[in-house]
Amino acid sequence: MLKASITMTPLKWRQLLAIAVFFPCLALPFSADSREQTPADAAPAASPQQTPTEKPITPPPSAQAQPSAPPGTPKPPPAGVQVARPGAAYESATVLRVTTRLVMLDVVAADSHGHAVLDLEAKDFSVLEDGKSQKVRAFGFQHPVAETPKFTKQSLPANVFTNIPQFRLNSSLNVILLDALNTPLTSQSYVRQKMLHYIETMSTDSPTAVYTLGQKLRMVQDFTTDPNILKEAVKKAGGRASALLDNPVSGEETELYPPGFFDSLPDQAQAALQSFEAERTSFQTDLRVRYTMDALQSIAHWLSGYQGRKNLIWISEAFPLSISPDATVSSNTEFGAERNYGDDIAKTAAMLTDSQIAIYPIDARGLSTSGIFSASSSGGDRFGHRITGGPQLGNALSLESNNLTATHGAMDLLAERTGGKAYYNRNDLDKAVRDGVSDGSSYYMLGMASSARYRSK
């Protein structure tokens, strides 16, 4: 049996002691880290009061399979749940945008006698856009029914007001615009007389509002079917003299200069005076057109919230579509007062059409005659020339005829662009109002999905 002996010197004892101290210190961090990663160690220690029969609580298998997170670390979300990062905006790789525009058109169909056609179907209409046929995706027909029970108004206590419509909502709406800006006082009086006669015989199921136009647009009466209320509104409108008419009483041309004054001037002064009067007339007409177009655009904005077709009955002497030099202007006169209001009328007509408003202009003059033969005429023009006959009479009659034709042209343009109808050269203004209301009360509604590509300007 082999035996070995080791002799330990003091130096060797010190080396062995240093090694024994070093290795336990080196193993301490690894031991702490391994304890933190062990789920069993994270369980609370058993209470000293625990009996031998009690078993420690075993964590579920999912907890045993996953190591516990260090302190302060948030728990991971459940499987299948995506958590948005704080401060990170949601970004999608795909953007799906679908735009659908349903264009609604109201169509009035009448026979050769002017009576409404009531038995058309969607297949009877052809809708074109940029020359291409479009499918009618929505179809409806609006027509007043005589058998409809009378609308019962809501009775309110004293000092209680409401904005609930006091009429049948599926009825076509009518707005009567009494134009005092472009109409002299004598014609305004005649218009009020005819309007009162119309209200006495109007249908009780036609909601009607009354507006007046001076230098401002005013609503005298909101929509109502009560004839008594409408009568009071027309009487309340009264007559207002227009500051933009040379003769606000009769509207006829008046002498602005004494007889013989113009002829006594040299040719250069006559040309300057003619140019001044033409520019003054054009400036007044510019203001009348601007005020009138602004009023019609305001009405289009106000009525845009009402669904369906609206009929605007505009009773006025209106304004000329254009202003051009006449035969009385000297050849050496620099005429800078020429005007054409076609673009302004087209812009306003587009706004009225977008709001489903059809305008029915009615000439307040009735059947027009030449003012030269009127009893109130002075027998001269604005420059004091006596119109006795011959070329002077021919020029005066031609000037009146041209102005009247230009005024009716403006009425026709507005009516055609909005789907209405112009009435002039007739004295039965009350019947003209009734025809306009009846024409706009029966119409077809067509809807199509526009394929045009609209771009914001």
Protein backbone atom coordinates (compact mmCIF):
# COMPACT_ATOMS: atom_id res chain seq x y z
CA MET A 1 0.00 0.00 0.00
CA LEU A 2 1.44 3.24 -1.23
CA LYS A 3 1.28 6.25 1.00
CA ALA A 4 2.11 9.84 0.18
CA SER A 5 2.74 12.67 2.49
CA ILE A 6 2.59 16.41 1.74
CA THR A 7 4.51 18.85 3.73
CA MET A 8 2.71 22.25 4.00
CA THR A 9 4.84 25.27 4.45
CA PRO A 10 3.42 28.59 5.68
CA LEU A 11 3.64 30.04 2.15
CA LYS A 12 1.59 27.22 0.68
CA TRP A 13 -1.03 27.69 3.38
CA ARG A 14 -1.46 31.36 2.43
CA GLN A 15 -1.83 30.48 -1.31
CA LEU A 16 -4.45 27.84 -0.57
CA LEU A 17 -6.45 30.27 1.60
CA ALA A 18 -6.45 32.94 -1.14
CA ILE A 19 -7.77 30.47 -3.72
CA ALA A 20 -10.50 29.33 -1.34
CA VAL A 21 -11.70 32.93 -0.82
CA PHE A 22 -11.53 33.93 -4.53
CA PHE A 23 -13.68 31.17 -6.04
CA PRO A 24 -16.77 31.67 -3.79
CA CYS A 25 -16.80 35.43 -4.61
CA LEU A 26 -16.54 34.67 -8.31
CA ALA A 27 -19.54 32.32 -8.19
CA LEU A 28 -21.81 34.71 -6.20
CA PRO A 29 -23.13 36.89 -9.16
CA PHE A 30 -23.91 33.82 -11.24
CA SER A 31 -25.82 32.35 -8.36
CA ALA A 32 -27.92 35.53 -7.91
CA ASP A 33 -28.67 35.74 -11.62
CA SER A 34 -29.69 32.12 -11.77
CA ARG A 35 -32.02 32.66 -8.82
CA GLU A 36 -33.75 35.56 -10.59
CA GLN A 37 -34.30 33.46 -13.71
CA THR A 38 -35.77 30.53 -11.81
CA PRO A 39 -39.57 30.68 -11.50
CA ALA A 40 -39.59 28.42 -8.50
CA ASP A 41 -37.40 30.80 -6.54
CA ALA A 42 -39.79 33.67 -7.30
CA ALA A 43 -42.53 31.94 -5.39
CA PRO A 44 -43.04 33.19 -1.83
CA ALA A 45 -41.48 31.15 0.93
CA ALA A 46 -43.65 28.86 2.96
CA SER A 47 -45.03 30.26 6.17
CA PRO A 48 -43.62 28.83 9.34
CA GLN A 49 -47.21 28.01 10.29
CA GLN A 50 -47.61 25.78 7.21
CA THR A 51 -48.46 22.21 8.10
CA PRO A 52 -46.64 19.29 6.51
CA THR A 53 -49.82 18.26 4.61
CA GLU A 54 -50.03 21.59 2.66
CA LYS A 55 -48.31 21.65 -0.73
CA PRO A 56 -46.80 24.76 -2.25
CA ILE A 57 -48.78 26.42 -5.08
CA THR A 58 -47.47 25.30 -8.46
CA PRO A 59 -47.53 27.97 -11.19
CA PRO A 60 -49.34 27.15 -14.44
CA PRO A 61 -47.36 25.52 -17.25
CA SER A 62 -47.24 28.75 -19.24
CA ALA A 63 -45.58 30.53 -16.35
CA GLN A 64 -43.11 27.67 -15.94
CA ALA A 65 -42.17 27.80 -19.61
CA GLN A 66 -41.39 31.52 -19.64
CA PRO A 67 -38.73 33.16 -17.49
CA SER A 68 -39.89 35.99 -15.28
CA ALA A 69 -38.99 39.51 -16.39
CA PRO A 70 -36.67 41.62 -14.32
CA PRO A 71 -38.25 44.25 -12.04
CA GLY A 72 -39.65 47.31 -13.86
CA THR A 73 -40.05 45.50 -17.20
CA PRO A 74 -43.65 45.59 -18.64
CA LYS A 75 -45.35 42.29 -19.22
CA PRO A 76 -45.48 41.09 -22.82
CA PRO A 77 -48.91 41.32 -24.56
CA PRO A 78 -50.97 38.20 -25.13
CA ALA A 79 -50.42 36.23 -28.28
CA GLY A 80 -52.13 37.72 -31.38
CA VAL A 81 -52.50 41.24 -29.89
CA GLN A 82 -50.55 44.07 -31.50
CA VAL A 83 -49.71 46.99 -29.24
CA ALA A 84 -49.15 50.42 -30.79
CA ARG A 85 -45.90 52.04 -29.89
CA PRO A 86 -46.24 55.23 -27.86
CA GLY A 87 -45.93 58.33 -30.03
CA ALA A 88 -45.90 56.35 -33.29
CA ALA A 89 -48.61 57.39 -35.80
CA TYR A 90 -50.60 54.72 -37.56
CA GLU A 91 -49.49 54.35 -41.13
CA SER A 92 -51.25 52.22 -43.71
CA ALA A 93 -49.49 51.05 -46.81
CA THR A 94 -52.76 51.02 -48.80
CA VAL A 95 -55.27 53.91 -49.07
CA LEU A 96 -58.67 53.09 -50.58
CA ARG A 97 -60.68 56.11 -51.73
CA VAL A 98 -64.08 55.87 -53.41
CA THR A 99 -66.00 58.98 -54.57
CA THR A 100 -69.58 58.79 -55.81
CA ARG A 101 -71.47 61.80 -57.11
CA LEU A 102 -75.21 61.50 -57.60
CA VAL A 103 -76.40 64.34 -59.80
CA MET A 104 -80.10 65.16 -59.38
CA LEU A 105 -82.01 66.80 -62.23
CA ASP A 106 -85.56 68.12 -62.16
CA VAL A 107 -87.36 68.01 -65.51
CA VAL A 108 -90.65 69.66 -66.44
CA ALA A 109 -92.44 67.84 -69.27
CA ALA A 110 -95.30 69.58 -71.07
CA ASP A 111 -97.36 68.85 -74.17
CA SER A 112 -98.05 71.18 -77.08
CA HIS A 113 -100.78 72.92 -75.07
CA GLY A 114 -98.51 73.59 -72.10
CA HIS A 115 -100.12 70.96 -69.86
CA ALA A 116 -97.92 68.73 -67.70
CA VAL A 117 -97.29 65.18 -68.93
CA LEU A 118 -97.96 62.84 -66.01
CA ASP A 119 -97.31 59.30 -67.29
CA LEU A 120 -93.61 59.17 -68.18
CA GLU A 121 -91.22 56.49 -66.89
CA ALA A 122 -87.47 56.36 -66.41
CA LYS A 123 -86.98 54.60 -69.76
CA ASP A 124 -88.58 57.57 -71.53
CA PHE A 125 -85.68 59.85 -70.56
CA SER A 126 -82.23 60.00 -72.10
CA VAL A 127 -79.50 61.64 -70.00
CA LEU A 128 -76.23 62.60 -71.69
CA GLU A 129 -72.98 63.74 -70.11
CA ASP A 130 -70.22 64.93 -72.43
CA GLY A 131 -72.14 63.30 -75.26
CA LYS A 132 -72.25 59.89 -73.54
CA SER A 133 -75.46 58.24 -72.39
CA GLN A 134 -75.81 57.83 -68.62
CA LYS A 135 -77.96 55.38 -66.70
CA VAL A 136 -80.84 56.83 -64.68
CA ARG A 137 -80.20 55.49 -61.17
CA ALA A 138 -82.93 57.41 -59.34
CA PHE A 139 -86.37 58.37 -60.58
CA GLY A 140 -89.29 60.17 -59.00
CA PHE A 141 -92.31 62.28 -59.88
CA GLN A 142 -93.71 65.26 -57.99
CA HIS A 143 -97.26 66.33 -58.70
CA PRO A 144 -99.91 68.00 -56.51
CA VAL A 145 -102.75 65.60 -55.76
CA ALA A 146 -106.21 67.06 -55.36
CA GLU A 147 -107.32 64.24 -53.07
CA THR A 148 -104.59 64.97 -50.54
CA PRO A 149 -106.14 65.79 -47.15
CA LYS A 150 -105.83 69.38 -46.07
CA PHE A 151 -102.79 70.15 -43.97
CA THR A 152 -103.65 70.85 -40.33
CA LYS A 153 -101.57 73.57 -38.72
CA GLN A 154 -100.27 73.20 -35.22
CA SER A 155 -101.99 75.45 -32.69
CA LEU A 156 -99.58 77.22 -30.35
CA PRO A 157 -100.17 78.97 -27.04
CA ALA A 158 -99.89 82.72 -26.79
CA ASN A 159 -96.37 84.19 -27.17
CA VAL A 160 -95.02 80.84 -28.40
CA PHE A 161 -93.30 80.70 -31.79
CA THR A 162 -91.90 77.80 -33.79
CA ASN A 163 -89.79 77.29 -36.91
CA ILE A 164 -91.48 74.00 -37.76
CA PRO A 165 -92.79 74.26 -41.36
CA GLN A 166 -96.53 74.94 -41.34
CA PHE A 167 -97.08 73.24 -44.69
CA ARG A 168 -96.76 69.87 -46.37
CA LEU A 169 -93.06 69.07 -46.81
CA ASN A 170 -93.45 67.26 -50.14
CA SER A 171 -94.94 70.34 -51.84
CA SER A 172 -93.00 72.50 -54.28
CA LEU A 173 -91.98 75.85 -52.79
CA ASN A 174 -92.69 79.22 -54.40
CA VAL A 175 -90.93 82.53 -53.78
CA ILE A 176 -92.40 85.79 -55.09
CA LEU A 177 -89.76 88.51 -55.49
CA LEU A 178 -91.18 92.02 -55.81
CA ASP A 179 -88.40 94.03 -57.45
CA ALA A 180 -88.50 97.74 -56.61
CA LEU A 181 -84.88 98.32 -57.62
CA ASN A 182 -85.55 97.96 -61.35
CA THR A 183 -89.26 98.88 -61.39
CA PRO A 184 -90.79 102.39 -61.27
CA LEU A 185 -93.55 103.26 -58.82
CA THR A 186 -96.42 103.14 -61.33
CA SER A 187 -95.56 99.56 -62.28
CA GLN A 188 -95.10 98.59 -58.62
CA SER A 189 -98.64 99.70 -57.85
CA TYR A 190 -99.98 97.65 -60.75
CA VAL A 191 -98.01 94.60 -59.59
CA ARG A 192 -99.41 94.77 -56.04
CA GLN A 193 -102.94 94.98 -57.40
CA LYS A 194 -102.43 91.86 -59.52
CA MET A 195 -100.68 90.00 -56.71
CA LEU A 196 -103.61 90.53 -54.33
CA HIS A 197 -105.93 89.15 -56.99
CA TYR A 198 -103.71 86.10 -57.43
CA ILE A 199 -103.57 85.37 -53.70
CA GLU A 200 -107.37 85.35 -53.50
CA THR A 201 -107.53 82.46 -55.97
CA MET A 202 -104.28 80.62 -55.20
CA SER A 203 -104.16 77.00 -54.09
CA THR A 204 -104.14 76.49 -50.34
CA ASP A 205 -101.49 73.78 -50.71
CA SER A 206 -98.82 75.97 -52.37
CA PRO A 207 -96.28 77.19 -49.79
CA THR A 208 -95.33 80.73 -50.79
CA ALA A 209 -92.83 83.28 -49.45
CA VAL A 210 -92.65 87.00 -50.29
CA TYR A 211 -89.38 88.89 -50.77
CA THR A 212 -88.73 92.49 -51.78
CA LEU A 213 -85.68 93.96 -53.48
CA GLY A 214 -84.61 97.55 -53.09
CA GLN A 215 -81.00 98.41 -52.41
CA LYS A 216 -81.28 95.48 -49.97
CA LEU A 217 -83.01 92.12 -50.13
CA ARG A 218 -85.72 91.65 -47.50
CA MET A 219 -87.90 88.69 -46.58
CA VAL A 220 -91.37 90.08 -45.87
CA GLN A 221 -93.03 86.70 -45.23
CA ASP A 222 -91.63 83.18 -44.88
CA PHE A 223 -93.31 80.15 -46.47
CA THR A 224 -96.98 79.89 -45.64
CA THR A 225 -100.20 78.69 -47.25
CA ASP A 226 -102.44 81.18 -45.45
CA PRO A 227 -103.85 83.69 -48.00
CA ASN A 228 -104.59 86.28 -45.34
CA ILE A 229 -100.97 86.32 -44.17
CA LEU A 230 -99.74 86.64 -47.76
CA LYS A 231 -102.12 89.54 -48.44
CA GLU A 232 -100.81 91.44 -45.45
CA ALA A 233 -97.24 90.77 -46.62
CA VAL A 234 -97.93 92.20 -50.09
CA LYS A 235 -99.62 95.26 -48.61
CA LYS A 236 -96.74 95.71 -46.20
CA ALA A 237 -94.24 95.68 -49.07
CA GLY A 238 -95.61 99.01 -50.30
CA GLY A 239 -93.86 101.02 -52.98
CA ARG A 240 -90.24 102.18 -52.92
CA ALA A 241 -88.69 104.62 -55.36
CA SER A 242 -85.47 103.38 -56.92
CA ALA A 243 -82.47 105.70 -56.66
CA LEU A 244 -80.88 104.05 -59.71
CA LEU A 245 -83.60 105.00 -62.21
CA ASP A 246 -83.59 108.36 -63.99
CA ASN A 247 -87.37 108.50 -63.66
CA PRO A 248 -88.36 106.41 -60.61
CA VAL A 249 -92.04 107.34 -60.98
CA SER A 250 -92.94 106.28 -64.53
CA GLY A 251 -89.64 104.96 -65.87
CA GLU A 252 -89.93 106.96 -69.07
CA GLU A 253 -87.09 109.02 -70.41
CA THR A 254 -87.09 112.57 -69.09
CA GLU A 255 -85.43 115.77 -70.23
CA LEU A 256 -82.24 116.28 -68.26
CA TYR A 257 -81.31 119.53 -70.06
CA PRO A 258 -83.49 122.47 -71.14
CA PRO A 259 -84.58 122.67 -74.79
CA GLY A 260 -81.96 124.21 -77.07
CA PHE A 261 -79.10 123.86 -74.57
CA PHE A 262 -77.48 120.85 -76.21
CA ASP A 263 -77.71 122.29 -79.73
CA SER A 264 -76.03 125.51 -78.61
CA LEU A 265 -72.88 123.65 -77.60
CA PRO A 266 -69.92 123.12 -79.95
CA ASP A 267 -69.43 119.67 -81.44
CA GLN A 268 -66.65 118.74 -79.02
CA ALA A 269 -68.78 119.69 -76.01
CA GLN A 270 -71.75 117.76 -77.40
CA ALA A 271 -69.59 114.65 -77.81
CA ALA A 272 -68.26 115.00 -74.25
CA LEU A 273 -71.78 115.42 -72.85
CA GLN A 274 -73.06 112.38 -74.75
CA SER A 275 -70.12 110.31 -73.49
CA PHE A 276 -70.76 111.46 -69.92
CA GLU A 277 -74.46 110.53 -70.07
CA ALA A 278 -73.66 107.13 -71.56
CA GLU A 279 -71.13 106.38 -68.82
CA ARG A 280 -73.55 107.55 -66.14
CA THR A 281 -76.29 105.29 -67.49
CA SER A 282 -73.86 102.37 -67.68
CA PHE A 283 -72.72 102.98 -64.10
CA GLN A 284 -76.30 102.99 -62.84
CA THR A 285 -77.02 99.81 -64.78
CA ASP A 286 -73.87 98.21 -63.37
CA LEU A 287 -75.12 98.85 -59.85
CA ARG A 288 -78.58 97.53 -60.65
CA VAL A 289 -77.14 94.36 -62.15
CA ARG A 290 -74.76 93.87 -59.21
CA TYR A 291 -77.49 94.36 -56.58
CA THR A 292 -79.91 92.12 -58.49
CA MET A 293 -77.40 89.31 -59.06
CA ASP A 294 -76.29 89.45 -55.42
CA ALA A 295 -79.93 89.19 -54.32
CA LEU A 296 -80.60 86.19 -56.56
CA GLN A 297 -77.43 84.49 -55.34
CA SER A 298 -78.45 85.11 -51.72
CA ILE A 299 -81.83 83.53 -52.40
CA ALA A 300 -80.06 80.55 -53.95
CA HIS A 301 -77.94 80.20 -50.80
CA TRP A 302 -80.91 80.51 -48.43
CA LEU A 303 -83.10 78.01 -50.29
CA SER A 304 -80.37 75.42 -50.89
CA GLY A 305 -81.31 73.65 -47.66
CA TYR A 306 -84.82 72.85 -48.92
CA GLN A 307 -85.10 69.65 -50.90
CA GLY A 308 -86.81 69.49 -54.26
CA ARG A 309 -87.60 72.11 -56.85
CA LYS A 310 -88.18 75.74 -55.88
CA ASN A 311 -89.93 78.28 -58.14
CA LEU A 312 -88.72 81.90 -58.00
CA ILE A 313 -91.31 84.29 -59.45
CA TRP A 314 -89.32 87.47 -60.21
CA ILE A 315 -91.66 90.39 -61.04
CA SER A 316 -89.55 93.22 -62.41
CA GLU A 317 -88.77 95.47 -65.35
CA ALA A 318 -85.29 93.94 -65.08
CA PHE A 319 -82.26 95.35 -66.87
CA PRO A 320 -80.81 95.10 -70.39
CA LEU A 321 -78.63 92.16 -71.28
CA SER A 322 -76.19 94.53 -72.99
CA ILE A 323 -75.59 98.24 -73.56
CA SER A 324 -74.44 99.45 -76.99
CA PRO A 325 -74.20 102.88 -78.64
CA ASP A 326 -77.42 103.98 -80.31
CA ALA A 327 -78.07 106.05 -83.38
CA THR A 328 -78.15 109.31 -81.42
CA VAL A 329 -74.47 109.06 -80.44
CA SER A 330 -72.26 111.20 -82.65
CA SER A 331 -69.61 109.50 -84.75
CA ASN A 332 -66.84 111.47 -83.05
CA THR A 333 -67.93 110.37 -79.55
CA GLU A 334 -65.62 107.97 -77.72
CA PHE A 335 -68.13 105.43 -76.40
CA GLY A 336 -66.61 103.59 -73.43
CA ALA A 337 -69.90 102.60 -71.81
CA GLU A 338 -70.57 99.41 -73.75
CA ARG A 339 -71.58 96.52 -71.50
CA ASN A 340 -72.58 92.86 -71.72
CA TYR A 341 -73.92 91.08 -68.66
CA GLY A 342 -74.15 87.59 -70.14
CA ASP A 343 -71.35 86.17 -67.95
CA ASP A 344 -72.86 87.62 -64.76
CA ILE A 345 -76.25 86.15 -65.61
CA ALA A 346 -74.73 82.75 -66.45
CA LYS A 347 -72.87 82.64 -63.13
CA THR A 348 -76.02 83.45 -61.15
CA ALA A 349 -78.05 80.96 -63.16
CA ALA A 350 -75.53 78.23 -62.31
CA MET A 351 -75.91 78.95 -58.58
CA LEU A 352 -79.70 78.86 -58.88
CA THR A 353 -79.53 75.56 -60.75
CA ASP A 354 -77.27 74.02 -58.09
CA SER A 355 -79.91 74.91 -55.49
CA GLN A 356 -82.70 73.47 -57.68
CA ILE A 357 -84.29 76.87 -58.22
CA ALA A 358 -86.11 77.66 -61.46
CA ILE A 359 -86.65 81.36 -62.11
CA TYR A 360 -89.78 82.72 -63.78
CA PRO A 361 -89.22 86.39 -64.74
CA ILE A 362 -92.39 88.43 -65.30
CA ASP A 363 -92.22 91.85 -66.94
CA ALA A 364 -94.00 94.28 -64.63
CA ARG A 365 -94.76 96.64 -67.56
CA GLY A 366 -97.34 94.28 -68.98
CA LEU A 367 -97.97 94.89 -72.66
CA SER A 368 -95.32 97.46 -73.55
CA THR A 369 -96.00 100.55 -75.61
CA SER A 370 -93.70 103.36 -76.62
CA GLY A 371 -93.23 105.99 -73.95
CA ILE A 372 -93.05 108.70 -76.59
CA PHE A 373 -96.81 108.48 -77.13
CA SER A 374 -97.58 108.43 -73.41
CA ALA A 375 -99.62 111.30 -71.95
CA SER A 376 -96.90 111.89 -69.35
CA SER A 377 -94.16 112.19 -71.97
CA SER A 378 -92.65 115.63 -72.51
CA GLY A 379 -92.14 114.96 -76.20
CA GLY A 380 -88.35 115.26 -76.00
CA ASP A 381 -85.29 113.20 -75.21
CA ARG A 382 -82.85 113.60 -72.32
CA PHE A 383 -80.86 116.26 -74.18
CA GLY A 384 -83.90 118.48 -74.77
CA HIS A 385 -84.43 117.57 -78.43
CA ARG A 386 -88.04 117.85 -79.55
CA ILE A 387 -89.24 114.68 -81.23
CA THR A 388 -91.62 115.88 -83.91
CA GLY A 389 -91.27 113.17 -86.52
CA GLY A 390 -89.00 111.99 -89.27
CA PRO A 391 -85.54 110.64 -88.34
CA GLN A 392 -85.82 111.82 -84.72
CA LEU A 393 -88.98 109.77 -84.14
CA GLY A 394 -87.47 106.76 -85.87
CA ASN A 395 -84.31 106.93 -83.77
CA ALA A 396 -86.29 107.28 -80.54
CA LEU A 397 -88.55 104.33 -81.37
CA SER A 398 -85.54 102.22 -82.37
CA LEU A 399 -83.77 103.03 -79.11
CA GLU A 400 -86.80 102.02 -77.01
CA SER A 401 -87.24 98.82 -79.00
CA ASN A 402 -83.59 97.85 -78.61
CA ASN A 403 -83.64 98.44 -74.86
CA LEU A 404 -86.83 96.41 -74.47
CA THR A 405 -85.43 93.55 -76.55
CA ALA A 406 -82.23 93.55 -74.49
CA THR A 407 -84.25 93.45 -71.26
CA HIS A 408 -86.37 90.53 -72.46
CA GLY A 409 -83.15 88.83 -73.56
CA ALA A 410 -81.84 88.95 -69.98
CA MET A 411 -85.12 87.44 -68.74
CA ASP A 412 -85.01 84.67 -71.34
CA LEU A 413 -81.39 83.83 -70.52
CA LEU A 414 -82.06 83.46 -66.80
CA ALA A 415 -85.19 81.38 -67.40
CA GLU A 416 -83.57 79.06 -69.95
CA ARG A 417 -80.47 78.45 -67.81
CA THR A 418 -82.53 77.48 -64.73
CA GLY A 419 -85.42 75.57 -66.31
CA GLY A 420 -87.99 78.33 -65.88
CA LYS A 421 -90.00 80.45 -68.26
CA ALA A 422 -90.15 84.18 -69.01
CA TYR A 423 -93.44 86.10 -69.29
CA TYR A 424 -93.66 89.50 -70.99
CA ASN A 425 -95.95 91.53 -73.27
CA ARG A 426 -99.03 90.51 -71.26
CA ASN A 427 -101.21 92.43 -68.83
CA ASP A 428 -102.58 89.45 -66.87
CA LEU A 429 -99.71 89.31 -64.41
CA ASP A 430 -101.77 87.32 -61.91
CA LYS A 431 -102.33 84.59 -64.51
CA ALA A 432 -98.61 84.65 -65.36
CA VAL A 433 -97.79 84.01 -61.70
CA ARG A 434 -100.32 81.17 -61.58
CA ASP A 435 -98.87 79.63 -64.76
CA GLY A 436 -95.36 79.79 -63.33
CA VAL A 437 -96.39 78.14 -60.08
CA SER A 438 -98.33 75.45 -61.95
CA ASP A 439 -95.46 74.82 -64.36
CA GLY A 440 -93.00 74.22 -61.54
CA SER A 441 -95.31 72.12 -59.35
CA SER A 442 -95.23 69.00 -61.59
CA TYR A 443 -91.77 67.69 -62.41
CA TYR A 444 -89.69 64.53 -62.68
CA MET A 445 -86.59 63.86 -60.59
CA LEU A 446 -83.73 62.07 -62.37
CA GLY A 447 -80.56 60.92 -60.64
CA MET A 448 -77.36 59.77 -62.33
CA ALA A 449 -73.88 58.89 -61.10
CA SER A 450 -71.61 61.42 -62.76
CA SER A 451 -68.48 59.98 -64.35
CA ALA A 452 -66.83 63.36 -64.87
CA ARG A 453 -63.57 64.02 -63.07
CA TYR A 454 -63.91 67.12 -60.92
CA ARG A 455 -60.87 69.06 -59.84
CA SER A 456 -60.75 71.65 -57.11
CA LYS A 457 -59.80 75.06 -58.40
